[in-house]
Amino acid sequence: MSRELKIDAKELSKYSREKLDKFIEYIRGRIKCEVTSEGENIILKGEDIDKRYVKTLAKRFLYIEGVIDDFRVLVKNEILFLRERRKIKMKKTSH
């Protein structure tokens, strides 16, 4: 039974196209499956694709690249999202 997992890397692509290309190569080197790129999306096709493992690899890649604080990795159904973190601005209070 072949599985397919889509990685939505639109926000990583906006951040840096070079990082997206590095991420594709990083995934190819660690998972034994077919990895194709469709613009800003990455499609993984294979027998034993574990969503949890792919999420861990994505987090590890972001850590290695030094951008783990800028992105979140979310999984919903068969889609893994690389989303940019929202920066919360704290109001200054005067005492």
PDB file of N, CA and C in Angstrom:
ATOM      1  N   MET A   1       0.837  -1.181   0.000  1.00  0.00           N
ATOM      2  CA  MET A   1       0.000   0.000   0.000  1.00  0.00           C
ATOM      3  C   MET A   1       0.885   1.249   0.000  1.00  0.00           C
ATOM      4  N   SER A   2       0.772   2.022  -1.026  1.00  0.00           N
ATOM      5  CA  SER A   2       1.593   3.224  -1.156  1.00  0.00           C
ATOM      6  C   SER A   2       0.915   4.407  -0.467  1.00  0.00           C
ATOM      7  N   ARG A   3       1.714   5.166   0.252  1.00  0.00           N
ATOM      8  CA  ARG A   3       1.212   6.358   0.943  1.00  0.00           C
ATOM      9  C   ARG A   3       1.768   7.600   0.297  1.00  0.00           C
ATOM     10  N   GLU A   4       1.054   8.686   0.464  1.00  0.00           N
ATOM     11  CA  GLU A   4       1.514   9.968  -0.055  1.00  0.00           C
ATOM     12  C   GLU A   4       1.373  11.013   1.045  1.00  0.00           C
ATOM     13  N   LEU A   5       2.432  11.781   1.248  1.00  0.00           N
ATOM     14  CA  LEU A   5       2.427  12.857   2.235  1.00  0.00           C
ATOM     15  C   LEU A   5       2.854  14.137   1.528  1.00  0.00           C
ATOM     16  N   LYS A   6       2.054  15.170   1.701  1.00  0.00           N
ATOM     17  CA  LYS A   6       2.350  16.457   1.076  1.00  0.00           C
ATOM     18  C   LYS A   6       2.939  17.383   2.134  1.00  0.00           C
ATOM     19  N   ILE A   7       4.005  18.091   1.773  1.00  0.00           N
ATOM     20  CA  ILE A   7       4.609  19.082   2.660  1.00  0.00           C
ATOM     21  C   ILE A   7       4.368  20.454   2.041  1.00  0.00           C
ATOM     22  N   ASP A   8       3.621  21.283   2.747  1.00  0.00           N
ATOM     23  CA  ASP A   8       3.340  22.647   2.297  1.00  0.00           C
ATOM     24  C   ASP A   8       4.442  23.553   2.842  1.00  0.00           C
ATOM     25  N   ALA A   9       5.388  23.905   1.981  1.00  0.00           N
ATOM     26  CA  ALA A   9       6.548  24.698   2.403  1.00  0.00           C
ATOM     27  C   ALA A   9       6.516  26.097   1.794  1.00  0.00           C
ATOM     28  N   LYS A  10       5.309  26.619   1.595  1.00  0.00           N
ATOM     29  CA  LYS A  10       5.145  27.936   0.975  1.00  0.00           C
ATOM     30  C   LYS A  10       5.861  29.028   1.770  1.00  0.00           C
ATOM     31  N   GLU A  11       5.715  28.990   3.087  1.00  0.00           N
ATOM     32  CA  GLU A  11       6.310  30.047   3.911  1.00  0.00           C
ATOM     33  C   GLU A  11       7.827  29.895   4.031  1.00  0.00           C
ATOM     34  N   LEU A  12       8.331  28.661   3.985  1.00  0.00           N
ATOM     35  CA  LEU A  12       9.783  28.455   3.959  1.00  0.00           C
ATOM     36  C   LEU A  12      10.351  28.969   2.637  1.00  0.00           C
ATOM     37  N   SER A  13       9.612  28.764   1.552  1.00  0.00           N
ATOM     38  CA  SER A  13      10.039  29.236   0.240  1.00  0.00           C
ATOM     39  C   SER A  13      10.100  30.760   0.199  1.00  0.00           C
ATOM     40  N   LYS A  14       9.110  31.423   0.829  1.00  0.00           N
ATOM     41  CA  LYS A  14       9.124  32.893   0.891  1.00  0.00           C
ATOM     42  C   LYS A  14      10.317  33.379   1.707  1.00  0.00           C
ATOM     43  N   TYR A  15      10.637  32.630   2.755  1.00  0.00           N
ATOM     44  CA  TYR A  15      11.749  32.983   3.638  1.00  0.00           C
ATOM     45  C   TYR A  15      13.071  32.874   2.885  1.00  0.00           C
ATOM     46  N   SER A  16      13.269  31.733   2.205  1.00  0.00           N
ATOM     47  CA  SER A  16      14.502  31.522   1.450  1.00  0.00           C
ATOM     48  C   SER A  16      14.329  30.325   0.517  1.00  0.00           C
ATOM     49  N   ARG A  17      14.423  30.565  -0.780  1.00  0.00           N
ATOM     50  CA  ARG A  17      14.301  29.480  -1.764  1.00  0.00           C
ATOM     51  C   ARG A  17      15.462  28.485  -1.597  1.00  0.00           C
ATOM     52  N   GLU A  18      16.624  28.997  -1.212  1.00  0.00           N
ATOM     53  CA  GLU A  18      17.801  28.146  -1.000  1.00  0.00           C
ATOM     54  C   GLU A  18      17.542  27.139   0.128  1.00  0.00           C
ATOM     55  N   LYS A  19      16.889  27.586   1.198  1.00  0.00           N
ATOM     56  CA  LYS A  19      16.587  26.685   2.317  1.00  0.00           C
ATOM     57  C   LYS A  19      15.594  25.607   1.890  1.00  0.00           C
ATOM     58  N   LEU A  20      14.650  25.963   1.012  1.00  0.00           N
ATOM     59  CA  LEU A  20      13.695  24.974   0.510  1.00  0.00           C
ATOM     60  C   LEU A  20      14.427  23.891  -0.277  1.00  0.00           C
ATOM     61  N   ASP A  21      15.356  24.293  -1.139  1.00  0.00           N
ATOM     62  CA  ASP A  21      16.134  23.315  -1.911  1.00  0.00           C
ATOM     63  C   ASP A  21      16.979  22.432  -0.991  1.00  0.00           C
ATOM     64  N   LYS A  22      17.572  23.030   0.049  1.00  0.00           N
ATOM     65  CA  LYS A  22      18.351  22.254   1.025  1.00  0.00           C
ATOM     66  C   LYS A  22      17.458  21.264   1.764  1.00  0.00           C
ATOM     67  N   PHE A  23      16.234  21.702   2.098  1.00  0.00           N
ATOM     68  CA  PHE A  23      15.289  20.840   2.807  1.00  0.00           C
ATOM     69  C   PHE A  23      14.915  19.629   1.957  1.00  0.00           C
ATOM     70  N   ILE A  24      14.694  19.844   0.666  1.00  0.00           N
ATOM     71  CA  ILE A  24      14.366  18.736  -0.239  1.00  0.00           C
ATOM     72  C   ILE A  24      15.511  17.729  -0.269  1.00  0.00           C
ATOM     73  N   GLU A  25      16.743  18.202  -0.378  1.00  0.00           N
ATOM     74  CA  GLU A  25      17.901  17.305  -0.385  1.00  0.00           C
ATOM     75  C   GLU A  25      18.056  16.593   0.960  1.00  0.00           C
ATOM     76  N   TYR A  26      17.783  17.297   2.044  1.00  0.00           N
ATOM     77  CA  TYR A  26      17.859  16.705   3.389  1.00  0.00           C
ATOM     78  C   TYR A  26      16.864  15.548   3.519  1.00  0.00           C
ATOM     79  N   ILE A  27      15.643  15.760   3.054  1.00  0.00           N
ATOM     80  CA  ILE A  27      14.607  14.717   3.111  1.00  0.00           C
ATOM     81  C   ILE A  27      15.000  13.537   2.224  1.00  0.00           C
ATOM     82  N   ARG A  28      15.490  13.828   1.014  1.00  0.00           N
ATOM     83  CA  ARG A  28      15.891  12.754   0.085  1.00  0.00           C
ATOM     84  C   ARG A  28      16.967  11.856   0.688  1.00  0.00           C
ATOM     85  N   GLY A  29      17.871  12.448   1.448  1.00  0.00           N
ATOM     86  CA  GLY A  29      18.966  11.677   2.023  1.00  0.00           C
ATOM     87  C   GLY A  29      18.575  10.827   3.217  1.00  0.00           C
ATOM     88  N   ARG A  30      17.390  11.057   3.775  1.00  0.00           N
ATOM     89  CA  ARG A  30      17.025  10.365   5.010  1.00  0.00           C
ATOM     90  C   ARG A  30      15.816   9.450   4.918  1.00  0.00           C
ATOM     91  N   ILE A  31      15.019   9.586   3.872  1.00  0.00           N
ATOM     92  CA  ILE A  31      13.828   8.743   3.729  1.00  0.00           C
ATOM     93  C   ILE A  31      13.915   7.983   2.414  1.00  0.00           C
ATOM     94  N   LYS A  32      13.616   6.698   2.478  1.00  0.00           N
ATOM     95  CA  LYS A  32      13.632   5.874   1.271  1.00  0.00           C
ATOM     96  C   LYS A  32      12.253   5.936   0.622  1.00  0.00           C
ATOM     97  N   CYS A  33      12.049   7.004  -0.146  1.00  0.00           N
ATOM     98  CA  CYS A  33      10.796   7.169  -0.872  1.00  0.00           C
ATOM     99  C   CYS A  33      11.041   8.125  -2.034  1.00  0.00           C
ATOM    100  N   GLU A  34      10.034   8.256  -2.871  1.00  0.00           N
ATOM    101  CA  GLU A  34      10.125   9.169  -4.003  1.00  0.00           C
ATOM    102  C   GLU A  34       9.792  10.580  -3.517  1.00  0.00           C
ATOM    103  N   VAL A  35      10.699  11.521  -3.730  1.00  0.00           N
ATOM    104  CA  VAL A  35      10.504  12.908  -3.297  1.00  0.00           C
ATOM    105  C   VAL A  35      10.421  13.781  -4.539  1.00  0.00           C
ATOM    106  N   THR A  36       9.271  14.432  -4.729  1.00  0.00           N
ATOM    107  CA  THR A  36       9.102  15.329  -5.865  1.00  0.00           C
ATOM    108  C   THR A  36       8.721  16.712  -5.361  1.00  0.00           C
ATOM    109  N   SER A  37       9.110  17.706  -6.133  1.00  0.00           N
ATOM    110  CA  SER A  37       8.826  19.093  -5.770  1.00  0.00           C
ATOM    111  C   SER A  37       7.880  19.683  -6.801  1.00  0.00           C
ATOM    112  N   GLU A  38       6.775  20.234  -6.319  1.00  0.00           N
ATOM    113  CA  GLU A  38       5.809  20.907  -7.191  1.00  0.00           C
ATOM    114  C   GLU A  38       5.723  22.362  -6.749  1.00  0.00           C
ATOM    115  N   GLY A  39       6.630  23.177  -7.224  1.00  0.00           N
ATOM    116  CA  GLY A  39       6.656  24.581  -6.812  1.00  0.00           C
ATOM    117  C   GLY A  39       7.068  24.702  -5.357  1.00  0.00           C
ATOM    118  N   GLU A  40       6.123  25.125  -4.523  1.00  0.00           N
ATOM    119  CA  GLU A  40       6.408  25.313  -3.100  1.00  0.00           C
ATOM    120  C   GLU A  40       5.965  24.117  -2.262  1.00  0.00           C
ATOM    121  N   ASN A  41       5.477  23.077  -2.912  1.00  0.00           N
ATOM    122  CA  ASN A  41       5.043  21.869  -2.210  1.00  0.00           C
ATOM    123  C   ASN A  41       6.000  20.725  -2.502  1.00  0.00           C
ATOM    124  N   ILE A  42       6.140  19.847  -1.512  1.00  0.00           N
ATOM    125  CA  ILE A  42       6.985  18.667  -1.652  1.00  0.00           C
ATOM    126  C   ILE A  42       6.077  17.462  -1.455  1.00  0.00           C
ATOM    127  N   ILE A  43       6.159  16.490  -2.353  1.00  0.00           N
ATOM    128  CA  ILE A  43       5.331  15.291  -2.277  1.00  0.00           C
ATOM    129  C   ILE A  43       6.230  14.099  -1.986  1.00  0.00           C
ATOM    130  N   LEU A  44       5.898  13.353  -0.932  1.00  0.00           N
ATOM    131  CA  LEU A  44       6.613  12.127  -0.590  1.00  0.00           C
ATOM    132  C   LEU A  44       5.702  10.952  -0.918  1.00  0.00           C
ATOM    133  N   LYS A  45       6.202  10.003  -1.715  1.00  0.00           N
ATOM    134  CA  LYS A  45       5.432   8.812  -2.065  1.00  0.00           C
ATOM    135  C   LYS A  45       6.263   7.589  -1.729  1.00  0.00           C
ATOM    136  N   GLY A  46       5.658   6.655  -1.012  1.00  0.00           N
ATOM    137  CA  GLY A  46       6.377   5.442  -0.658  1.00  0.00           C
ATOM    138  C   GLY A  46       5.547   4.539   0.223  1.00  0.00           C
ATOM    139  N   GLU A  47       6.132   3.421   0.582  1.00  0.00           N
ATOM    140  CA  GLU A  47       5.432   2.415   1.381  1.00  0.00           C
ATOM    141  C   GLU A  47       5.357   2.792   2.852  1.00  0.00           C
ATOM    142  N   ASP A  48       6.494   3.068   3.447  1.00  0.00           N
ATOM    143  CA  ASP A  48       6.560   3.283   4.897  1.00  0.00           C
ATOM    144  C   ASP A  48       6.877   4.735   5.235  1.00  0.00           C
ATOM    145  N   ILE A  49       5.936   5.624   4.956  1.00  0.00           N
ATOM    146  CA  ILE A  49       6.128   7.032   5.306  1.00  0.00           C
ATOM    147  C   ILE A  49       5.407   7.285   6.620  1.00  0.00           C
ATOM    148  N   ASP A  50       6.169   7.674   7.622  1.00  0.00           N
ATOM    149  CA  ASP A  50       5.616   7.953   8.944  1.00  0.00           C
ATOM    150  C   ASP A  50       5.545   9.469   9.128  1.00  0.00           C
ATOM    151  N   LYS A  51       4.330   9.987   9.318  1.00  0.00           N
ATOM    152  CA  LYS A  51       4.150  11.439   9.470  1.00  0.00           C
ATOM    153  C   LYS A  51       4.966  11.980  10.631  1.00  0.00           C
ATOM    154  N   ARG A  52       4.995  11.242  11.718  1.00  0.00           N
ATOM    155  CA  ARG A  52       5.710  11.687  12.922  1.00  0.00           C
ATOM    156  C   ARG A  52       7.217  11.803  12.649  1.00  0.00           C
ATOM    157  N   TYR A  53       7.762  10.823  11.910  1.00  0.00           N
ATOM    158  CA  TYR A  53       9.188  10.844  11.590  1.00  0.00           C
ATOM    159  C   TYR A  53       9.517  12.012  10.658  1.00  0.00           C
ATOM    160  N   VAL A  54       8.652  12.270   9.679  1.00  0.00           N
ATOM    161  CA  VAL A  54       8.881  13.383   8.756  1.00  0.00           C
ATOM    162  C   VAL A  54       8.813  14.705   9.514  1.00  0.00           C
ATOM    163  N   LYS A  55       7.894  14.807  10.477  1.00  0.00           N
ATOM    164  CA  LYS A  55       7.798  16.017  11.303  1.00  0.00           C
ATOM    165  C   LYS A  55       9.090  16.216  12.101  1.00  0.00           C
ATOM    166  N   THR A  56       9.612  15.126  12.665  1.00  0.00           N
ATOM    167  CA  THR A  56      10.864  15.193  13.420  1.00  0.00           C
ATOM    168  C   THR A  56      12.020  15.626  12.515  1.00  0.00           C
ATOM    169  N   LEU A  57      12.075  15.080  11.297  1.00  0.00           N
ATOM    170  CA  LEU A  57      13.124  15.474  10.351  1.00  0.00           C
ATOM    171  C   LEU A  57      13.018  16.956   9.990  1.00  0.00           C
ATOM    172  N   ALA A  58      11.796  17.439   9.807  1.00  0.00           N
ATOM    173  CA  ALA A  58      11.596  18.854   9.472  1.00  0.00           C
ATOM    174  C   ALA A  58      12.083  19.746  10.611  1.00  0.00           C
ATOM    175  N   LYS A  59      11.747  19.366  11.846  1.00  0.00           N
ATOM    176  CA  LYS A  59      12.205  20.148  13.001  1.00  0.00           C
ATOM    177  C   LYS A  59      13.724  20.117  13.116  1.00  0.00           C
ATOM    178  N   ARG A  60      14.309  18.952  12.877  1.00  0.00           N
ATOM    179  CA  ARG A  60      15.764  18.815  12.952  1.00  0.00           C
ATOM    180  C   ARG A  60      16.442  19.684  11.892  1.00  0.00           C
ATOM    181  N   PHE A  61      15.886  19.687  10.682  1.00  0.00           N
ATOM    182  CA  PHE A  61      16.433  20.524   9.613  1.00  0.00           C
ATOM    183  C   PHE A  61      16.372  22.001   9.998  1.00  0.00           C
ATOM    184  N   LEU A  62      15.239  22.445  10.522  1.00  0.00           N
ATOM    185  CA  LEU A  62      15.090  23.849  10.918  1.00  0.00           C
ATOM    186  C   LEU A  62      16.085  24.211  12.012  1.00  0.00           C
ATOM    187  N   TYR A  63      16.337  23.268  12.928  1.00  0.00           N
ATOM    188  CA  TYR A  63      17.310  23.498  13.997  1.00  0.00           C
ATOM    189  C   TYR A  63      18.722  23.631  13.423  1.00  0.00           C
ATOM    190  N   ILE A  64      19.079  22.726  12.518  1.00  0.00           N
ATOM    191  CA  ILE A  64      20.412  22.747  11.906  1.00  0.00           C
ATOM    192  C   ILE A  64      20.637  24.058  11.150  1.00  0.00           C
ATOM    193  N   GLU A  65      19.596  24.530  10.470  1.00  0.00           N
ATOM    194  CA  GLU A  65      19.699  25.769   9.691  1.00  0.00           C
ATOM    195  C   GLU A  65      19.609  27.021  10.560  1.00  0.00           C
ATOM    196  N   GLY A  66      19.285  26.849  11.830  1.00  0.00           N
ATOM    197  CA  GLY A  66      19.222  27.982  12.749  1.00  0.00           C
ATOM    198  C   GLY A  66      17.951  28.803  12.655  1.00  0.00           C
ATOM    199  N   VAL A  67      16.882  28.213  12.120  1.00  0.00           N
ATOM    200  CA  VAL A  67      15.617  28.949  11.981  1.00  0.00           C
ATOM    201  C   VAL A  67      14.469  28.268  12.733  1.00  0.00           C
ATOM    202  N   ILE A  68      14.793  27.430  13.710  1.00  0.00           N
ATOM    203  CA  ILE A  68      13.760  26.713  14.460  1.00  0.00           C
ATOM    204  C   ILE A  68      12.842  27.682  15.203  1.00  0.00           C
ATOM    205  N   ASP A  69      13.363  28.833  15.619  1.00  0.00           N
ATOM    206  CA  ASP A  69      12.541  29.808  16.340  1.00  0.00           C
ATOM    207  C   ASP A  69      11.623  30.599  15.414  1.00  0.00           C
ATOM    208  N   ASP A  70      11.849  30.507  14.108  1.00  0.00           N
ATOM    209  CA  ASP A  70      11.052  31.265  13.145  1.00  0.00           C
ATOM    210  C   ASP A  70       9.897  30.462  12.547  1.00  0.00           C
ATOM    211  N   PHE A  71       9.912  29.119  12.713  1.00  0.00           N
ATOM    212  CA  PHE A  71       8.909  28.279  12.065  1.00  0.00           C
ATOM    213  C   PHE A  71       8.283  27.278  13.030  1.00  0.00           C
ATOM    214  N   ARG A  72       7.059  26.872  12.694  1.00  0.00           N
ATOM    215  CA  ARG A  72       6.364  25.793  13.397  1.00  0.00           C
ATOM    216  C   ARG A  72       6.139  24.669  12.394  1.00  0.00           C
ATOM    217  N   VAL A  73       6.104  23.443  12.877  1.00  0.00           N
ATOM    218  CA  VAL A  73       5.838  22.293  12.019  1.00  0.00           C
ATOM    219  C   VAL A  73       4.534  21.672  12.503  1.00  0.00           C
ATOM    220  N   LEU A  74       3.530  21.670  11.630  1.00  0.00           N
ATOM    221  CA  LEU A  74       2.210  21.154  11.970  1.00  0.00           C
ATOM    222  C   LEU A  74       1.838  20.029  11.016  1.00  0.00           C
ATOM    223  N   VAL A  75       1.097  19.033  11.517  1.00  0.00           N
ATOM    224  CA  VAL A  75       0.611  17.951  10.671  1.00  0.00           C
ATOM    225  C   VAL A  75      -0.900  17.888  10.809  1.00  0.00           C
ATOM    226  N   LYS A  76      -1.581  17.934   9.664  1.00  0.00           N
ATOM    227  CA  LYS A  76      -3.039  17.807   9.653  1.00  0.00           C
ATOM    228  C   LYS A  76      -3.399  16.862   8.518  1.00  0.00           C
ATOM    229  N   ASN A  77      -4.028  15.746   8.864  1.00  0.00           N
ATOM    230  CA  ASN A  77      -4.361  14.689   7.909  1.00  0.00           C
ATOM    231  C   ASN A  77      -3.087  14.213   7.209  1.00  0.00           C
ATOM    232  N   GLU A  78      -3.016  14.323   5.902  1.00  0.00           N
ATOM    233  CA  GLU A  78      -1.831  13.865   5.166  1.00  0.00           C
ATOM    234  C   GLU A  78      -1.014  15.049   4.642  1.00  0.00           C
ATOM    235  N   ILE A  79      -1.097  16.185   5.347  1.00  0.00           N
ATOM    236  CA  ILE A  79      -0.352  17.377   4.939  1.00  0.00           C
ATOM    237  C   ILE A  79       0.478  17.876   6.111  1.00  0.00           C
ATOM    238  N   LEU A  80       1.760  18.102   5.855  1.00  0.00           N
ATOM    239  CA  LEU A  80       2.657  18.673   6.856  1.00  0.00           C
ATOM    240  C   LEU A  80       2.885  20.133   6.470  1.00  0.00           C
ATOM    241  N   PHE A  81       2.684  21.038   7.409  1.00  0.00           N
ATOM    242  CA  PHE A  81       2.820  22.465   7.147  1.00  0.00           C
ATOM    243  C   PHE A  81       4.068  23.005   7.833  1.00  0.00           C
ATOM    244  N   LEU A  82       4.834  23.813   7.117  1.00  0.00           N
ATOM    245  CA  LEU A  82       5.927  24.583   7.708  1.00  0.00           C
ATOM    246  C   LEU A  82       5.433  26.020   7.758  1.00  0.00           C
ATOM    247  N   ARG A  83       5.034  26.466   8.931  1.00  0.00           N
ATOM    248  CA  ARG A  83       4.436  27.790   9.097  1.00  0.00           C
ATOM    249  C   ARG A  83       5.373  28.716   9.847  1.00  0.00           C
ATOM    250  N   GLU A  84       5.386  29.960   9.410  1.00  0.00           N
ATOM    251  CA  GLU A  84       6.194  30.959  10.098  1.00  0.00           C
ATOM    252  C   GLU A  84       5.510  31.307  11.417  1.00  0.00           C
ATOM    253  N   ARG A  85       6.316  31.403  12.471  1.00  0.00           N
ATOM    254  CA  ARG A  85       5.760  31.751  13.787  1.00  0.00           C
ATOM    255  C   ARG A  85       5.316  33.205  13.790  1.00  0.00           C
ATOM    256  N   ARG A  86       4.192  33.437  14.441  1.00  0.00           N
ATOM    257  CA  ARG A  86       3.743  34.817  14.622  1.00  0.00           C
ATOM    258  C   ARG A  86       4.508  35.411  15.781  1.00  0.00           C
ATOM    259  N   LYS A  87       5.014  36.588  15.579  1.00  0.00           N
ATOM    260  CA  LYS A  87       5.746  37.281  16.640  1.00  0.00           C
ATOM    261  C   LYS A  87       4.753  38.095  17.458  1.00  0.00           C
ATOM    262  N   ILE A  88       4.720  37.849  18.736  1.00  0.00           N
ATOM    263  CA  ILE A  88       3.814  38.557  19.624  1.00  0.00           C
ATOM    264  C   ILE A  88       4.561  39.735  20.229  1.00  0.00           C
ATOM    265  N   LYS A  89       3.998  40.894  20.050  1.00  0.00           N
ATOM    266  CA  LYS A  89       4.617  42.098  20.610  1.00  0.00           C
ATOM    267  C   LYS A  89       3.953  42.388  21.947  1.00  0.00           C
ATOM    268  N   MET A  90       4.755  42.486  22.949  1.00  0.00           N
ATOM    269  CA  MET A  90       4.249  42.771  24.289  1.00  0.00           C
ATOM    270  C   MET A  90       4.101  44.278  24.460  1.00  0.00           C
ATOM    271  N   LYS A  91       3.021  44.659  25.106  1.00  0.00           N
ATOM    272  CA  LYS A  91       2.821  46.080  25.390  1.00  0.00           C
ATOM    273  C   LYS A  91       3.709  46.479  26.552  1.00  0.00           C
ATOM    274  N   LYS A  92       4.276  47.655  26.439  1.00  0.00           N
ATOM    275  CA  LYS A  92       5.103  48.157  27.536  1.00  0.00           C
ATOM    276  C   LYS A  92       4.183  48.783  28.577  1.00  0.00           C
ATOM    277  N   THR A  93       4.386  48.387  29.795  1.00  0.00           N
ATOM    278  CA  THR A  93       3.598  48.966  30.879  1.00  0.00           C
ATOM    279  C   THR A  93       4.483  49.884  31.688  1.00  0.00           C
ATOM    280  N   SER A  94       3.922  50.973  32.095  1.00  0.00           N
ATOM    281  CA  SER A  94       4.699  51.903  32.916  1.00  0.00           C
ATOM    282  C   SER A  94       4.199  51.825  34.348  1.00  0.00           C
ATOM    283  N   HIS A  95       5.111  51.731  35.257  1.00  0.00           N
ATOM    284  CA  HIS A  95       4.753  51.644  36.681  1.00  0.00           C
ATOM    285  C   HIS A  95       5.104  52.911  37.379  1.00  0.00           C
TER     286      HIS A  95
END
